[in-house]
C-alpha atoms as a PDB file:
ATOM      1  CA  MET A   1       0.000   0.000   0.000  1.00  0.00           C
ATOM      2  CA  LYS A   2       2.853   2.371   0.824  1.00  0.00           C
ATOM      3  CA  TYR A   3       4.358   1.794  -2.604  1.00  0.00           C
ATOM      4  CA  LEU A   4       1.037   2.493  -4.317  1.00  0.00           C
ATOM      5  CA  LEU A   5       0.675   5.796  -2.475  1.00  0.00           C
ATOM      6  CA  LEU A   6       4.266   6.728  -3.282  1.00  0.00           C
ATOM      7  CA  LEU A   7       3.744   5.938  -6.975  1.00  0.00           C
ATOM      8  CA  LEU A   8       0.516   7.931  -7.012  1.00  0.00           C
ATOM      9  CA  SER A   9       2.231  10.873  -5.309  1.00  0.00           C
ATOM     10  CA  ILE A  10       5.105  10.848  -7.803  1.00  0.00           C
ATOM     11  CA  SER A  11       2.668  10.650 -10.738  1.00  0.00           C
ATOM     12  CA  ILE A  12       0.644  13.614  -9.469  1.00  0.00           C
ATOM     13  CA  GLN A  13       3.788  15.696  -8.926  1.00  0.00           C
ATOM     14  CA  TYR A  14       4.974  14.858 -12.449  1.00  0.00           C
ATOM     15  CA  LEU A  15       1.636  15.900 -13.997  1.00  0.00           C
ATOM     16  CA  MET A  16       1.563  19.126 -11.981  1.00  0.00           C
ATOM     17  CA  ALA A  17       5.110  19.950 -13.087  1.00  0.00           C
ATOM     18  CA  GLN A  18       4.158  19.331 -16.730  1.00  0.00           C
ATOM     19  CA  ASP A  19       1.121  21.582 -16.334  1.00  0.00           C
ATOM     20  CA  ALA A  20       3.220  24.325 -14.738  1.00  0.00           C
ATOM     21  CA  THR A  21       5.740  24.110 -17.591  1.00  0.00           C
ATOM     22  CA  VAL A  22       2.993  24.431 -20.209  1.00  0.00           C
ATOM     23  CA  TYR A  23       1.572  27.497 -18.455  1.00  0.00           C
ATOM     24  CA  GLU A  24       5.026  29.016 -18.059  1.00  0.00           C
ATOM     25  CA  ASN A  25       5.826  28.554 -21.748  1.00  0.00           C
ATOM     26  CA  THR A  26       2.465  29.942 -22.881  1.00  0.00           C
ATOM     27  CA  THR A  27       2.621  33.004 -20.612  1.00  0.00           C
ATOM     28  CA  LYS A  28       6.171  33.764 -21.763  1.00  0.00           C
ATOM     29  CA  THR A  29       5.149  33.452 -25.425  1.00  0.00           C
ATOM     30  CA  PHE A  30       2.022  35.569 -24.864  1.00  0.00           C
ATOM     31  CA  GLN A  31       4.103  38.271 -23.161  1.00  0.00           C
ATOM     32  CA  GLU A  32       6.605  38.394 -26.039  1.00  0.00           C
ATOM     33  CA  HIS A  33       3.896  38.592 -28.709  1.00  0.00           C
ATOM     34  CA  PHE A  34       1.853  41.112 -26.703  1.00  0.00           C
ATOM     35  CA  ASN A  35       4.820  43.437 -26.300  1.00  0.00           C
ATOM     36  CA  SER A  36       5.793  43.199 -29.980  1.00  0.00           C
ATOM     37  CA  GLN A  37       2.139  43.648 -31.004  1.00  0.00           C
ATOM     38  CA  ASN A  38       2.285  40.455 -33.073  1.00  0.00           C
ATOM     39  CA  ILE A  39      -1.485  39.995 -33.374  1.00  0.00           C
ATOM     40  CA  ASP A  40      -1.256  36.929 -35.640  1.00  0.00           C
ATOM     41  CA  ALA A  41       0.995  35.132 -33.159  1.00  0.00           C
ATOM     42  CA  VAL A  42      -1.279  36.006 -30.211  1.00  0.00           C
ATOM     43  CA  PHE A  43      -4.306  34.834 -32.208  1.00  0.00           C
ATOM     44  CA  ASP A  44      -2.515  31.545 -32.944  1.00  0.00           C
ATOM     45  CA  LEU A  45      -2.101  30.957 -29.178  1.00  0.00           C
ATOM     46  CA  TYR A  46      -5.907  30.816 -28.789  1.00  0.00           C
ATOM     47  CA  THR A  47      -8.028  27.672 -29.066  1.00  0.00           C
ATOM     48  CA  SER A  48     -10.170  27.424 -32.187  1.00  0.00           C
ATOM     49  CA  ASP A  49     -13.291  28.035 -30.056  1.00  0.00           C
ATOM     50  CA  LEU A  50     -11.827  31.237 -28.623  1.00  0.00           C
ATOM     51  CA  GLN A  51     -10.672  32.305 -32.093  1.00  0.00           C
ATOM     52  CA  GLU A  52     -14.246  31.935 -33.362  1.00  0.00           C
ATOM     53  CA  GLU A  53     -15.651  33.766 -30.346  1.00  0.00           C
ATOM     54  CA  MET A  54     -13.171  36.658 -30.366  1.00  0.00           C
ATOM     55  CA  THR A  55     -12.338  36.837 -34.104  1.00  0.00           C
ATOM     56  CA  LYS A  56      -9.042  38.239 -35.292  1.00  0.00           C
ATOM     57  CA  GLU A  57     -10.522  41.753 -35.335  1.00  0.00           C
ATOM     58  CA  GLY A  58     -11.601  41.388 -31.705  1.00  0.00           C
ATOM     59  CA  VAL A  59      -8.158  40.123 -30.685  1.00  0.00           C
ATOM     60  CA  THR A  60      -6.595  43.047 -32.558  1.00  0.00           C
ATOM     61  CA  ARG A  61      -8.766  45.528 -30.633  1.00  0.00           C
ATOM     62  CA  PHE A  62      -8.066  43.714 -27.339  1.00  0.00           C
ATOM     63  CA  ILE A  63      -4.272  43.621 -27.755  1.00  0.00           C
ATOM     64  CA  LYS A  64      -3.889  47.104 -29.236  1.00  0.00           C
ATOM     65  CA  GLY A  65      -6.283  48.614 -26.679  1.00  0.00           C
ATOM     66  CA  CYS A  66      -4.575  46.973 -23.714  1.00  0.00           C
ATOM     67  CA  HIS A  67      -1.108  47.857 -25.020  1.00  0.00           C
ATOM     68  CA  SER A  68      -1.951  51.516 -25.636  1.00  0.00           C
ATOM     69  CA  GLN A  69      -3.609  51.867 -22.227  1.00  0.00           C
ATOM     70  CA  PHE A  70      -1.304  49.728 -20.060  1.00  0.00           C
ATOM     71  CA  GLY A  71       2.035  49.685 -21.916  1.00  0.00           C
ATOM     72  CA  ASN A  72       4.350  46.713 -22.203  1.00  0.00           C
ATOM     73  CA  LEU A  73       3.742  43.629 -20.092  1.00  0.00           C
ATOM     74  CA  LYS A  74       6.889  43.631 -17.978  1.00  0.00           C
ATOM     75  CA  LYS A  75       6.338  40.690 -15.633  1.00  0.00           C
ATOM     76  CA  LEU A  76       3.876  37.916 -14.808  1.00  0.00           C
ATOM     77  CA  THR A  77       3.908  36.471 -11.290  1.00  0.00           C
ATOM     78  CA  PHE A  78       1.862  33.391 -10.436  1.00  0.00           C
ATOM     79  CA  ILE A  79      -0.721  33.929  -7.682  1.00  0.00           C
ATOM     80  CA  GLU A  80      -2.844  30.768  -7.541  1.00  0.00           C
ATOM     81  CA  SER A  81      -4.701  28.114  -9.450  1.00  0.00           C
ATOM     82  CA  ALA A  82      -8.400  27.666  -8.729  1.00  0.00           C
ATOM     83  CA  GLU A  83     -11.003  25.717 -10.682  1.00  0.00           C
ATOM     84  CA  GLY A  84      -8.633  25.230 -13.607  1.00  0.00           C
ATOM     85  CA  ILE A  85      -7.809  28.934 -13.952  1.00  0.00           C
ATOM     86  CA  ASN A  86      -4.364  30.283 -13.115  1.00  0.00           C
ATOM     87  CA  SER A  87      -4.156  33.825 -11.771  1.00  0.00           C
ATOM     88  CA  TYR A  88      -1.105  36.046 -12.202  1.00  0.00           C
ATOM     89  CA  THR A  89      -0.112  39.546 -11.214  1.00  0.00           C
ATOM     90  CA  ALA A  90       0.483  41.238 -14.554  1.00  0.00           C
ATOM     91  CA  GLU A  91       2.858  44.185 -14.198  1.00  0.00           C
ATOM     92  CA  PHE A  92       2.580  46.581 -17.120  1.00  0.00           C
ATOM     93  CA  ASP A  93       4.419  49.866 -17.644  1.00  0.00           C
ATOM     94  CA  ASN A  94       1.422  51.860 -16.369  1.00  0.00           C
ATOM     95  CA  ILE A  95      -0.555  49.531 -14.080  1.00  0.00           C
ATOM     96  CA  SER A  96      -0.646  46.161 -12.324  1.00  0.00           C
ATOM     97  CA  LEU A  97      -3.636  43.936 -13.009  1.00  0.00           C
ATOM     98  CA  VAL A  98      -4.689  40.357 -12.365  1.00  0.00           C
ATOM     99  CA  MET A  99      -4.528  38.129 -15.427  1.00  0.00           C
ATOM    100  CA  GLU A 100      -6.717  35.037 -15.352  1.00  0.00           C
ATOM    101  CA  LEU A 101      -5.665  32.311 -17.756  1.00  0.00           C
ATOM    102  CA  LYS A 102      -7.042  28.899 -18.609  1.00  0.00           C
ATOM    103  CA  LEU A 103      -5.313  26.628 -21.109  1.00  0.00           C
ATOM    104  CA  SER A 104      -6.704  23.728 -23.075  1.00  0.00           C
ATOM    105  CA  THR A 105      -5.116  20.304 -22.790  1.00  0.00           C
ATOM    106  CA  ASP A 106      -2.911  21.112 -25.796  1.00  0.00           C
ATOM    107  CA  GLY A 107      -1.599  24.336 -24.211  1.00  0.00           C
ATOM    108  CA  LYS A 108      -3.752  26.805 -26.158  1.00  0.00           C
ATOM    109  CA  ILE A 109      -5.412  29.792 -24.457  1.00  0.00           C
ATOM    110  CA  ASP A 110      -9.020  28.920 -23.665  1.00  0.00           C
ATOM    111  CA  THR A 111      -9.729  31.911 -21.417  1.00  0.00           C
ATOM    112  CA  ILE A 112      -7.793  35.113 -20.784  1.00  0.00           C
ATOM    113  CA  GLN A 113      -8.843  38.298 -19.058  1.00  0.00           C
ATOM    114  CA  PHE A 114      -7.328  41.187 -17.170  1.00  0.00           C
ATOM    115  CA  GLN A 115      -8.975  42.826 -14.178  1.00  0.00           C
ATOM    116  CA  GLU A 116      -8.152  45.093 -11.310  1.00  0.00           C
ATOM    117  CA  PRO A 117      -6.913  43.344  -8.170  1.00  0.00           C
END
């Protein structure tokens, strides 16, 4: 029984580490594309469902509007994970906001929003 619990514990830690790596890679890529205003690359990070919902024009307005109002995204700091959504402190040139992010199983952005803390 001890060995089963140990194996289960190791498996869970491995999956959590994989998940954290996927989120880390996606947030880093999003930050780079956001700051360079590479709308096509940001759009490509979204799931197909979110692409249909937001449309490329909507993503363009979202990214350009946020960038002009907030400035560059300087730093993302993990806060917590709750109900499948990771929260980060998003430090921009002009403001700090909370970014909520949910990824699909293949690492694409399923939900993203910024709000005041």
